[in-house]
Amino acid sequence: MLDGTQRKNIKFGISVAIVLKQDQQSGLLTDGIVRDILTKSSTHPHGIKVRLMSGEIGRVKKIY
C-alpha cells in the first residue's frame, strides 16, 4: 500500500480514503477521488491534505 504521507504517491484522479477535520477524533474515513492536492510540502506526518471530487477536504490515510 502506498504511503499517504508522501506527496509523490498522490495524483489527480486516484481513489483514496481521507479523514475529515471533524472525524479526526473518531478516525472515521471518507472515500473519494482526488481533485486537488492542497499540501505544498513533499511530506506531512499526518497525511497529505487533499480536496476530493465531492469538495470534502481531509488528510490521506489510505491510497487504493
N, C-alpha and C. Protein backbone atom coordinates (compact mmCIF):
# COMPACT_ATOMS: atom_id res chain seq x y z
N MET A 1 0.85 -1.20 0.00
CA MET A 1 0.00 0.00 0.00
C MET A 1 0.88 1.24 0.00
N LEU A 2 0.52 2.21 -0.80
CA LEU A 2 1.28 3.45 -0.87
C LEU A 2 1.06 4.28 0.39
N ASP A 3 2.02 5.14 0.67
CA ASP A 3 2.04 5.94 1.88
C ASP A 3 1.36 7.30 1.66
N GLY A 4 0.31 7.58 2.42
CA GLY A 4 -0.43 8.84 2.30
C GLY A 4 0.29 10.05 2.85
N THR A 5 1.48 9.84 3.47
CA THR A 5 2.25 10.98 3.99
C THR A 5 3.23 11.52 2.95
N GLN A 6 3.34 10.85 1.80
CA GLN A 6 4.27 11.25 0.74
C GLN A 6 3.48 11.87 -0.42
N ARG A 7 3.78 13.13 -0.73
CA ARG A 7 3.05 13.84 -1.79
C ARG A 7 3.20 13.15 -3.14
N LYS A 8 4.37 12.55 -3.39
CA LYS A 8 4.65 11.92 -4.69
C LYS A 8 3.73 10.74 -4.99
N ASN A 9 3.13 10.14 -3.94
CA ASN A 9 2.24 8.99 -4.12
C ASN A 9 0.82 9.39 -4.49
N ILE A 10 0.52 10.68 -4.41
CA ILE A 10 -0.86 11.14 -4.60
C ILE A 10 -0.98 11.90 -5.91
N LYS A 11 -1.90 11.44 -6.75
CA LYS A 11 -2.09 12.04 -8.07
C LYS A 11 -3.56 12.39 -8.25
N PHE A 12 -3.82 13.34 -9.12
CA PHE A 12 -5.18 13.70 -9.50
C PHE A 12 -5.91 12.45 -10.01
N GLY A 13 -7.12 12.25 -9.53
CA GLY A 13 -7.96 11.17 -10.06
C GLY A 13 -7.82 9.82 -9.39
N ILE A 14 -6.91 9.66 -8.41
CA ILE A 14 -6.79 8.35 -7.75
C ILE A 14 -7.80 8.23 -6.61
N SER A 15 -8.12 6.98 -6.24
CA SER A 15 -9.04 6.71 -5.14
C SER A 15 -8.27 6.69 -3.83
N VAL A 16 -8.79 7.42 -2.84
CA VAL A 16 -8.16 7.50 -1.54
C VAL A 16 -9.21 7.45 -0.44
N ALA A 17 -8.76 7.22 0.79
CA ALA A 17 -9.59 7.39 1.99
C ALA A 17 -8.96 8.49 2.81
N ILE A 18 -9.77 9.50 3.15
CA ILE A 18 -9.26 10.62 3.93
C ILE A 18 -9.97 10.67 5.28
N VAL A 19 -9.35 11.36 6.23
CA VAL A 19 -10.02 11.66 7.49
C VAL A 19 -10.34 13.16 7.46
N LEU A 20 -11.63 13.47 7.62
CA LEU A 20 -12.08 14.86 7.64
C LEU A 20 -11.73 15.47 8.99
N LYS A 21 -11.60 16.80 9.03
CA LYS A 21 -11.26 17.51 10.27
C LYS A 21 -12.18 17.09 11.43
N GLN A 22 -13.48 17.05 11.18
CA GLN A 22 -14.42 16.73 12.25
C GLN A 22 -14.39 15.26 12.65
N ASP A 23 -13.73 14.41 11.83
CA ASP A 23 -13.65 12.98 12.13
C ASP A 23 -12.30 12.56 12.71
N GLN A 24 -11.41 13.53 12.99
CA GLN A 24 -10.08 13.17 13.47
C GLN A 24 -10.12 12.43 14.81
N GLN A 25 -11.07 12.79 15.69
CA GLN A 25 -11.19 12.11 16.98
C GLN A 25 -11.63 10.66 16.79
N SER A 26 -12.65 10.45 15.95
CA SER A 26 -13.21 9.11 15.77
C SER A 26 -12.39 8.26 14.80
N GLY A 27 -11.64 8.92 13.89
CA GLY A 27 -10.87 8.19 12.90
C GLY A 27 -11.70 7.69 11.73
N LEU A 28 -12.95 8.16 11.62
CA LEU A 28 -13.84 7.76 10.52
C LEU A 28 -13.23 8.20 9.18
N LEU A 29 -13.16 7.26 8.23
CA LEU A 29 -12.58 7.56 6.92
C LEU A 29 -13.67 7.82 5.88
N THR A 30 -13.35 8.71 4.94
CA THR A 30 -14.26 9.05 3.84
C THR A 30 -13.55 8.71 2.54
N ASP A 31 -14.17 7.89 1.70
CA ASP A 31 -13.59 7.50 0.41
C ASP A 31 -13.93 8.53 -0.66
N GLY A 32 -13.02 8.69 -1.62
CA GLY A 32 -13.29 9.59 -2.73
C GLY A 32 -12.16 9.62 -3.73
N ILE A 33 -12.32 10.48 -4.72
CA ILE A 33 -11.36 10.66 -5.80
C ILE A 33 -10.68 12.02 -5.62
N VAL A 34 -9.36 12.05 -5.73
CA VAL A 34 -8.60 13.29 -5.53
C VAL A 34 -8.87 14.29 -6.65
N ARG A 35 -9.26 15.51 -6.27
CA ARG A 35 -9.42 16.61 -7.22
C ARG A 35 -8.23 17.56 -7.15
N ASP A 36 -7.82 17.93 -5.93
CA ASP A 36 -6.69 18.86 -5.75
C ASP A 36 -5.82 18.36 -4.61
N ILE A 37 -4.51 18.60 -4.73
CA ILE A 37 -3.57 18.34 -3.64
C ILE A 37 -3.29 19.68 -2.98
N LEU A 38 -3.61 19.80 -1.69
CA LEU A 38 -3.52 21.09 -1.00
C LEU A 38 -2.22 21.27 -0.22
N THR A 39 -1.57 20.17 0.18
CA THR A 39 -0.30 20.26 0.90
C THR A 39 0.80 20.60 -0.09
N LYS A 40 1.59 21.63 0.21
CA LYS A 40 2.67 22.05 -0.69
C LYS A 40 3.96 21.29 -0.45
N SER A 41 4.21 20.86 0.80
CA SER A 41 5.46 20.17 1.11
C SER A 41 5.43 18.73 0.58
N SER A 42 6.59 18.12 0.45
CA SER A 42 6.67 16.77 -0.13
C SER A 42 6.19 15.69 0.83
N THR A 43 6.20 15.98 2.14
CA THR A 43 5.69 15.01 3.11
C THR A 43 4.92 15.75 4.21
N HIS A 44 4.04 15.01 4.88
CA HIS A 44 3.37 15.54 6.07
C HIS A 44 3.10 14.36 7.00
N PRO A 45 3.47 14.47 8.29
CA PRO A 45 3.36 13.31 9.19
C PRO A 45 1.94 12.79 9.38
N HIS A 46 0.93 13.63 9.23
CA HIS A 46 -0.47 13.20 9.43
C HIS A 46 -1.17 12.87 8.12
N GLY A 47 -0.47 12.99 7.00
CA GLY A 47 -1.07 12.71 5.70
C GLY A 47 -1.18 13.97 4.86
N ILE A 48 -1.08 13.81 3.56
CA ILE A 48 -1.17 14.93 2.63
C ILE A 48 -2.63 15.40 2.57
N LYS A 49 -2.83 16.70 2.64
CA LYS A 49 -4.20 17.25 2.60
C LYS A 49 -4.65 17.37 1.14
N VAL A 50 -5.84 16.85 0.87
CA VAL A 50 -6.40 16.86 -0.48
C VAL A 50 -7.85 17.33 -0.45
N ARG A 51 -8.34 17.77 -1.62
CA ARG A 51 -9.77 18.02 -1.84
C ARG A 51 -10.27 16.92 -2.75
N LEU A 52 -11.38 16.30 -2.36
CA LEU A 52 -11.99 15.25 -3.18
C LEU A 52 -12.91 15.87 -4.23
N MET A 53 -13.33 15.06 -5.19
CA MET A 53 -14.27 15.50 -6.23
C MET A 53 -15.56 16.02 -5.59
N SER A 54 -15.91 15.47 -4.42
CA SER A 54 -17.13 15.87 -3.70
C SER A 54 -16.98 17.24 -3.03
N GLY A 55 -15.72 17.75 -2.98
CA GLY A 55 -15.48 19.03 -2.32
C GLY A 55 -14.99 18.88 -0.89
N GLU A 56 -15.04 17.66 -0.36
CA GLU A 56 -14.58 17.42 1.01
C GLU A 56 -13.05 17.52 1.08
N ILE A 57 -12.56 18.05 2.21
CA ILE A 57 -11.12 18.24 2.40
C ILE A 57 -10.67 17.46 3.62
N GLY A 58 -9.57 16.73 3.48
CA GLY A 58 -9.02 15.99 4.61
C GLY A 58 -7.64 15.46 4.28
N ARG A 59 -7.08 14.71 5.23
CA ARG A 59 -5.75 14.15 5.06
C ARG A 59 -5.83 12.69 4.64
N VAL A 60 -4.98 12.33 3.68
CA VAL A 60 -4.98 10.97 3.11
C VAL A 60 -4.48 9.95 4.13
N LYS A 61 -5.29 8.94 4.37
CA LYS A 61 -4.92 7.83 5.26
C LYS A 61 -4.66 6.55 4.49
N LYS A 62 -5.37 6.36 3.37
CA LYS A 62 -5.19 5.15 2.54
C LYS A 62 -5.21 5.55 1.08
N ILE A 63 -4.42 4.84 0.28
CA ILE A 63 -4.43 5.01 -1.17
C ILE A 63 -4.81 3.65 -1.76
N TYR A 64 -5.82 3.63 -2.61
CA TYR A 64 -6.30 2.36 -3.19
C TYR A 64 -5.68 2.09 -4.54
